[in-house]
Amino acid sequence: MDDDVVTLDVREDLRRGEEPLPKILATVEKLRPGQSLRLLATFEPIPLFAVMARKGFTHQARRLGPESWEVIFRPGEGVAEVERADAKKAQEADEEPWPSPAKSIDNRGLLPPEPMIRVLESLETLEPGEVLEVFNDREPMFLYPELEARGHRVRVEKLSEGGVRLEIRKGEG
């Protein structure tokens, strides 16, 4: 690869059960204008595609072998306007009162992707507007784009003893 592509390998992070998204986003922030990111992962990181699209990147994924994927993220245009609109929409949603949680689940101690699967399955049992309370060991960065794509909203509280508490309000769709 040339100087226009930065390679980031998160396969070992994923095998250790670590959340690679902070490392990925930190790498993206360091990219020079016009630079691409070559990401190596143990699976096709489909939820990451939406996150990177909001940052103005297109993607091309291909399987390299068992538990090995390569994704090339290339920069696009119009990122700043999309990010400003998303931030304003999120701020307006947080200002309205939410009902008490209708259901609570504890995902602490589970390895990915089990917490995300449990959250999405639990949301299916709720009515639009109801709130699901979730306890996780860490922020579920890959879950956020999935929630957004389904029209759900989320609030995050970092817990003093570690981990996070989420409130997810089921959307209409």
C-alpha atoms as a PDB file:
ATOM      1  CA  MET A   1       0.000   0.000   0.000  1.00  0.00           C
ATOM      2  CA  ASP A   2       1.156   3.597  -0.535  1.00  0.00           C
ATOM      3  CA  ASP A   3       1.176   6.766   1.623  1.00  0.00           C
ATOM      4  CA  ASP A   4      -2.490   7.430   0.821  1.00  0.00           C
ATOM      5  CA  VAL A   5      -3.597   4.349   2.816  1.00  0.00           C
ATOM      6  CA  VAL A   6      -3.181   3.733   6.564  1.00  0.00           C
ATOM      7  CA  THR A   7      -3.482   0.093   7.691  1.00  0.00           C
ATOM      8  CA  LEU A   8      -5.027  -0.814  11.051  1.00  0.00           C
ATOM      9  CA  ASP A   9      -5.163  -4.468  12.146  1.00  0.00           C
ATOM     10  CA  VAL A  10      -7.717  -5.103  14.957  1.00  0.00           C
ATOM     11  CA  ARG A  11      -7.906  -8.889  14.607  1.00  0.00           C
ATOM     12  CA  GLU A  12      -5.994  -9.611  17.831  1.00  0.00           C
ATOM     13  CA  ASP A  13      -8.036  -6.992  19.725  1.00  0.00           C
ATOM     14  CA  LEU A  14     -11.231  -8.747  18.616  1.00  0.00           C
ATOM     15  CA  ARG A  15      -9.883 -12.183  19.539  1.00  0.00           C
ATOM     16  CA  ARG A  16      -9.171 -10.864  23.058  1.00  0.00           C
ATOM     17  CA  GLY A  17     -12.792  -9.641  23.281  1.00  0.00           C
ATOM     18  CA  GLU A  18     -11.767  -5.977  23.208  1.00  0.00           C
ATOM     19  CA  GLU A  19     -13.833  -3.236  21.587  1.00  0.00           C
ATOM     20  CA  PRO A  20     -11.756  -1.872  18.655  1.00  0.00           C
ATOM     21  CA  LEU A  21     -13.987   1.072  17.731  1.00  0.00           C
ATOM     22  CA  PRO A  22     -12.137   3.690  19.828  1.00  0.00           C
ATOM     23  CA  LYS A  23      -8.866   2.650  18.149  1.00  0.00           C
ATOM     24  CA  ILE A  24     -10.512   2.769  14.717  1.00  0.00           C
ATOM     25  CA  LEU A  25     -12.005   6.224  15.292  1.00  0.00           C
ATOM     26  CA  ALA A  26      -8.714   7.557  16.701  1.00  0.00           C
ATOM     27  CA  THR A  27      -6.965   6.338  13.549  1.00  0.00           C
ATOM     28  CA  VAL A  28      -9.625   7.966  11.352  1.00  0.00           C
ATOM     29  CA  GLU A  29      -9.115  11.293  13.181  1.00  0.00           C
ATOM     30  CA  LYS A  30      -5.391  11.152  12.352  1.00  0.00           C
ATOM     31  CA  LEU A  31      -5.928  10.580   8.625  1.00  0.00           C
ATOM     32  CA  ARG A  32      -4.721  13.374   6.390  1.00  0.00           C
ATOM     33  CA  PRO A  33      -7.189  14.816   3.875  1.00  0.00           C
ATOM     34  CA  GLY A  34      -7.648  12.319   1.058  1.00  0.00           C
ATOM     35  CA  GLN A  35      -6.123   9.398   2.989  1.00  0.00           C
ATOM     36  CA  SER A  36      -7.899   6.030   3.146  1.00  0.00           C
ATOM     37  CA  LEU A  37      -8.057   3.459   5.935  1.00  0.00           C
ATOM     38  CA  ARG A  38      -7.350  -0.242   5.360  1.00  0.00           C
ATOM     39  CA  LEU A  39      -8.936  -2.152   8.252  1.00  0.00           C
ATOM     40  CA  LEU A  40      -8.181  -5.801   8.989  1.00  0.00           C
ATOM     41  CA  ALA A  41     -10.795  -7.565  11.173  1.00  0.00           C
ATOM     42  CA  THR A  42     -11.964 -11.082  12.079  1.00  0.00           C
ATOM     43  CA  PHE A  43     -15.421 -10.491  10.577  1.00  0.00           C
ATOM     44  CA  GLU A  44     -17.120  -8.171   8.126  1.00  0.00           C
ATOM     45  CA  PRO A  45     -17.791  -5.121  10.350  1.00  0.00           C
ATOM     46  CA  ILE A  46     -21.167  -4.214   8.863  1.00  0.00           C
ATOM     47  CA  PRO A  47     -22.243  -1.856  11.713  1.00  0.00           C
ATOM     48  CA  LEU A  48     -19.032   0.126  11.181  1.00  0.00           C
ATOM     49  CA  PHE A  49     -20.068   0.910   7.609  1.00  0.00           C
ATOM     50  CA  ALA A  50     -22.844   3.249   8.831  1.00  0.00           C
ATOM     51  CA  VAL A  51     -20.506   4.946  11.320  1.00  0.00           C
ATOM     52  CA  MET A  52     -17.920   5.570   8.622  1.00  0.00           C
ATOM     53  CA  ALA A  53     -20.547   6.666   6.081  1.00  0.00           C
ATOM     54  CA  ARG A  54     -21.653   9.398   8.500  1.00  0.00           C
ATOM     55  CA  LYS A  55     -18.033  10.505   8.587  1.00  0.00           C
ATOM     56  CA  GLY A  56     -18.049  10.669   4.793  1.00  0.00           C
ATOM     57  CA  PHE A  57     -16.310   7.396   3.898  1.00  0.00           C
ATOM     58  CA  THR A  58     -17.265   4.785   1.340  1.00  0.00           C
ATOM     59  CA  HIS A  59     -16.147   1.201   1.839  1.00  0.00           C
ATOM     60  CA  GLN A  60     -15.104  -1.901  -0.043  1.00  0.00           C
ATOM     61  CA  ALA A  61     -14.918  -5.193   1.906  1.00  0.00           C
ATOM     62  CA  ARG A  62     -13.472  -8.556   0.980  1.00  0.00           C
ATOM     63  CA  ARG A  63     -12.845 -11.816   2.827  1.00  0.00           C
ATOM     64  CA  LEU A  64      -9.179 -12.748   3.045  1.00  0.00           C
ATOM     65  CA  GLY A  65      -9.774 -16.112   4.703  1.00  0.00           C
ATOM     66  CA  PRO A  66     -11.409 -17.660   7.762  1.00  0.00           C
ATOM     67  CA  GLU A  67     -11.790 -14.972  10.424  1.00  0.00           C
ATOM     68  CA  SER A  68      -9.983 -12.429   8.253  1.00  0.00           C
ATOM     69  CA  TRP A  69     -11.544  -9.484   6.414  1.00  0.00           C
ATOM     70  CA  GLU A  70     -10.106  -6.424   4.729  1.00  0.00           C
ATOM     71  CA  VAL A  71     -12.137  -3.241   4.426  1.00  0.00           C
ATOM     72  CA  ILE A  72     -10.909  -0.165   2.586  1.00  0.00           C
ATOM     73  CA  PHE A  73     -12.589   3.073   3.691  1.00  0.00           C
ATOM     74  CA  ARG A  74     -12.151   5.946   1.236  1.00  0.00           C
ATOM     75  CA  PRO A  75     -13.054   9.568   2.022  1.00  0.00           C
ATOM     76  CA  GLY A  76     -16.033  11.234   0.357  1.00  0.00           C
ATOM     77  CA  GLU A  77     -17.566  14.709   0.487  1.00  0.00           C
ATOM     78  CA  GLY A  78     -20.121  16.620   2.582  1.00  0.00           C
ATOM     79  CA  VAL A  79     -19.150  15.225   5.996  1.00  0.00           C
ATOM     80  CA  ALA A  80     -19.421  18.387   8.094  1.00  0.00           C
ATOM     81  CA  GLU A  81     -23.032  19.167   7.144  1.00  0.00           C
ATOM     82  CA  VAL A  82     -24.213  15.629   7.939  1.00  0.00           C
ATOM     83  CA  GLU A  83     -22.445  15.610  11.317  1.00  0.00           C
ATOM     84  CA  ARG A  84     -23.941  19.013  12.299  1.00  0.00           C
ATOM     85  CA  ALA A  85     -27.454  17.883  11.375  1.00  0.00           C
ATOM     86  CA  ASP A  86     -27.039  14.620  13.322  1.00  0.00           C
ATOM     87  CA  ALA A  87     -25.767  16.471  16.407  1.00  0.00           C
ATOM     88  CA  LYS A  88     -28.702  18.903  16.372  1.00  0.00           C
ATOM     89  CA  LYS A  89     -31.227  16.071  15.967  1.00  0.00           C
ATOM     90  CA  ALA A  90     -29.669  14.125  18.872  1.00  0.00           C
ATOM     91  CA  GLN A  91     -29.675  17.164  21.152  1.00  0.00           C
ATOM     92  CA  GLU A  92     -33.374  17.855  20.481  1.00  0.00           C
ATOM     93  CA  ALA A  93     -34.255  14.197  21.209  1.00  0.00           C
ATOM     94  CA  ASP A  94     -32.447  14.282  24.566  1.00  0.00           C
ATOM     95  CA  GLU A  95     -34.392  17.305  25.818  1.00  0.00           C
ATOM     96  CA  GLU A  96     -37.801  15.587  25.947  1.00  0.00           C
ATOM     97  CA  PRO A  97     -38.788  13.413  28.947  1.00  0.00           C
ATOM     98  CA  TRP A  98     -38.637   9.619  28.572  1.00  0.00           C
ATOM     99  CA  PRO A  99     -40.836   7.057  30.351  1.00  0.00           C
ATOM    100  CA  SER A 100     -39.390   4.680  32.954  1.00  0.00           C
ATOM    101  CA  PRO A 101     -37.854   1.490  31.514  1.00  0.00           C
ATOM    102  CA  ALA A 102     -40.403  -1.178  30.613  1.00  0.00           C
ATOM    103  CA  LYS A 103     -37.699  -3.894  30.643  1.00  0.00           C
ATOM    104  CA  SER A 104     -34.138  -4.295  31.918  1.00  0.00           C
ATOM    105  CA  ILE A 105     -31.333  -6.642  30.820  1.00  0.00           C
ATOM    106  CA  ASP A 106     -27.845  -7.196  32.214  1.00  0.00           C
ATOM    107  CA  ASN A 107     -25.218  -7.978  29.562  1.00  0.00           C
ATOM    108  CA  ARG A 108     -22.190  -7.719  31.850  1.00  0.00           C
ATOM    109  CA  GLY A 109     -19.754 -10.581  31.447  1.00  0.00           C
ATOM    110  CA  LEU A 110     -20.885 -11.439  27.905  1.00  0.00           C
ATOM    111  CA  LEU A 111     -18.566 -11.315  24.885  1.00  0.00           C
ATOM    112  CA  PRO A 112     -19.506  -9.628  21.591  1.00  0.00           C
ATOM    113  CA  PRO A 113     -21.726 -10.052  19.671  1.00  0.00           C
ATOM    114  CA  GLU A 114     -24.000 -11.557  22.386  1.00  0.00           C
ATOM    115  CA  PRO A 115     -24.824  -8.195  24.092  1.00  0.00           C
ATOM    116  CA  MET A 116     -25.914  -6.658  20.777  1.00  0.00           C
ATOM    117  CA  ILE A 117     -28.031  -9.689  19.887  1.00  0.00           C
ATOM    118  CA  ARG A 118     -29.757  -9.622  23.294  1.00  0.00           C
ATOM    119  CA  VAL A 119     -30.504  -5.884  23.009  1.00  0.00           C
ATOM    120  CA  LEU A 120     -31.971  -6.152  19.506  1.00  0.00           C
ATOM    121  CA  GLU A 121     -34.082  -9.193  20.479  1.00  0.00           C
ATOM    122  CA  SER A 122     -35.344  -7.441  23.632  1.00  0.00           C
ATOM    123  CA  LEU A 123     -36.323  -4.347  21.660  1.00  0.00           C
ATOM    124  CA  GLU A 124     -38.524  -6.542  19.451  1.00  0.00           C
ATOM    125  CA  THR A 125     -40.681  -7.339  22.511  1.00  0.00           C
ATOM    126  CA  LEU A 126     -41.367  -3.654  23.298  1.00  0.00           C
ATOM    127  CA  GLU A 127     -43.963  -1.265  21.925  1.00  0.00           C
ATOM    128  CA  PRO A 128     -42.863   1.959  20.164  1.00  0.00           C
ATOM    129  CA  GLY A 129     -41.950   4.614  22.731  1.00  0.00           C
ATOM    130  CA  GLU A 130     -41.128   2.104  25.484  1.00  0.00           C
ATOM    131  CA  VAL A 131     -37.651   2.133  27.037  1.00  0.00           C
ATOM    132  CA  LEU A 132     -35.207  -0.746  27.473  1.00  0.00           C
ATOM    133  CA  GLU A 133     -32.603  -0.442  30.243  1.00  0.00           C
ATOM    134  CA  VAL A 134     -29.292  -2.210  29.497  1.00  0.00           C
ATOM    135  CA  PHE A 135     -26.183  -2.761  31.619  1.00  0.00           C
ATOM    136  CA  ASN A 136     -22.944  -3.448  29.677  1.00  0.00           C
ATOM    137  CA  ASP A 137     -19.280  -3.821  30.610  1.00  0.00           C
ATOM    138  CA  ARG A 138     -18.381  -1.207  27.973  1.00  0.00           C
ATOM    139  CA  GLU A 139     -19.996   1.104  25.473  1.00  0.00           C
ATOM    140  CA  PRO A 140     -21.495  -0.914  22.607  1.00  0.00           C
ATOM    141  CA  MET A 141     -20.073   1.167  19.757  1.00  0.00           C
ATOM    142  CA  PHE A 142     -21.227  -1.229  17.026  1.00  0.00           C
ATOM    143  CA  LEU A 143     -24.758  -1.228  18.457  1.00  0.00           C
ATOM    144  CA  TYR A 144     -25.304   2.522  18.015  1.00  0.00           C
ATOM    145  CA  PRO A 145     -25.541   2.535  14.198  1.00  0.00           C
ATOM    146  CA  GLU A 146     -27.911  -0.456  14.346  1.00  0.00           C
ATOM    147  CA  LEU A 147     -30.175   1.383  16.784  1.00  0.00           C
ATOM    148  CA  GLU A 148     -30.108   4.516  14.667  1.00  0.00           C
ATOM    149  CA  ALA A 149     -30.904   2.578  11.485  1.00  0.00           C
ATOM    150  CA  ARG A 150     -33.972   1.096  13.209  1.00  0.00           C
ATOM    151  CA  GLY A 151     -35.178   4.498  14.455  1.00  0.00           C
ATOM    152  CA  HIS A 152     -34.374   3.899  18.150  1.00  0.00           C
ATOM    153  CA  ARG A 153     -32.779   6.495  20.419  1.00  0.00           C
ATOM    154  CA  VAL A 154     -30.246   5.877  23.155  1.00  0.00           C
ATOM    155  CA  ARG A 155     -28.954   7.599  26.275  1.00  0.00           C
ATOM    156  CA  VAL A 156     -25.690   6.478  27.884  1.00  0.00           C
ATOM    157  CA  GLU A 157     -24.617   6.781  31.513  1.00  0.00           C
ATOM    158  CA  LYS A 158     -21.093   5.770  32.580  1.00  0.00           C
ATOM    159  CA  LEU A 159     -21.264   3.913  35.890  1.00  0.00           C
ATOM    160  CA  SER A 160     -18.876   4.754  38.747  1.00  0.00           C
ATOM    161  CA  GLU A 161     -18.157   1.040  39.320  1.00  0.00           C
ATOM    162  CA  GLY A 162     -17.297   0.605  35.627  1.00  0.00           C
ATOM    163  CA  GLY A 163     -19.376  -0.213  32.616  1.00  0.00           C
ATOM    164  CA  VAL A 164     -22.354   1.671  31.245  1.00  0.00           C
ATOM    165  CA  ARG A 165     -26.101   1.893  31.664  1.00  0.00           C
ATOM    166  CA  LEU A 166     -28.098   2.488  28.486  1.00  0.00           C
ATOM    167  CA  GLU A 167     -31.656   3.595  28.053  1.00  0.00           C
ATOM    168  CA  ILE A 168     -32.935   2.740  24.584  1.00  0.00           C
ATOM    169  CA  ARG A 169     -36.251   4.179  23.467  1.00  0.00           C
ATOM    170  CA  LYS A 170     -37.891   2.065  20.790  1.00  0.00           C
ATOM    171  CA  GLY A 171     -38.682   3.933  17.610  1.00  0.00           C
ATOM    172  CA  GLU A 172     -41.828   3.817  15.514  1.00  0.00           C
ATOM    173  CA  GLY A 173     -40.354   1.767  12.670  1.00  0.00           C
END
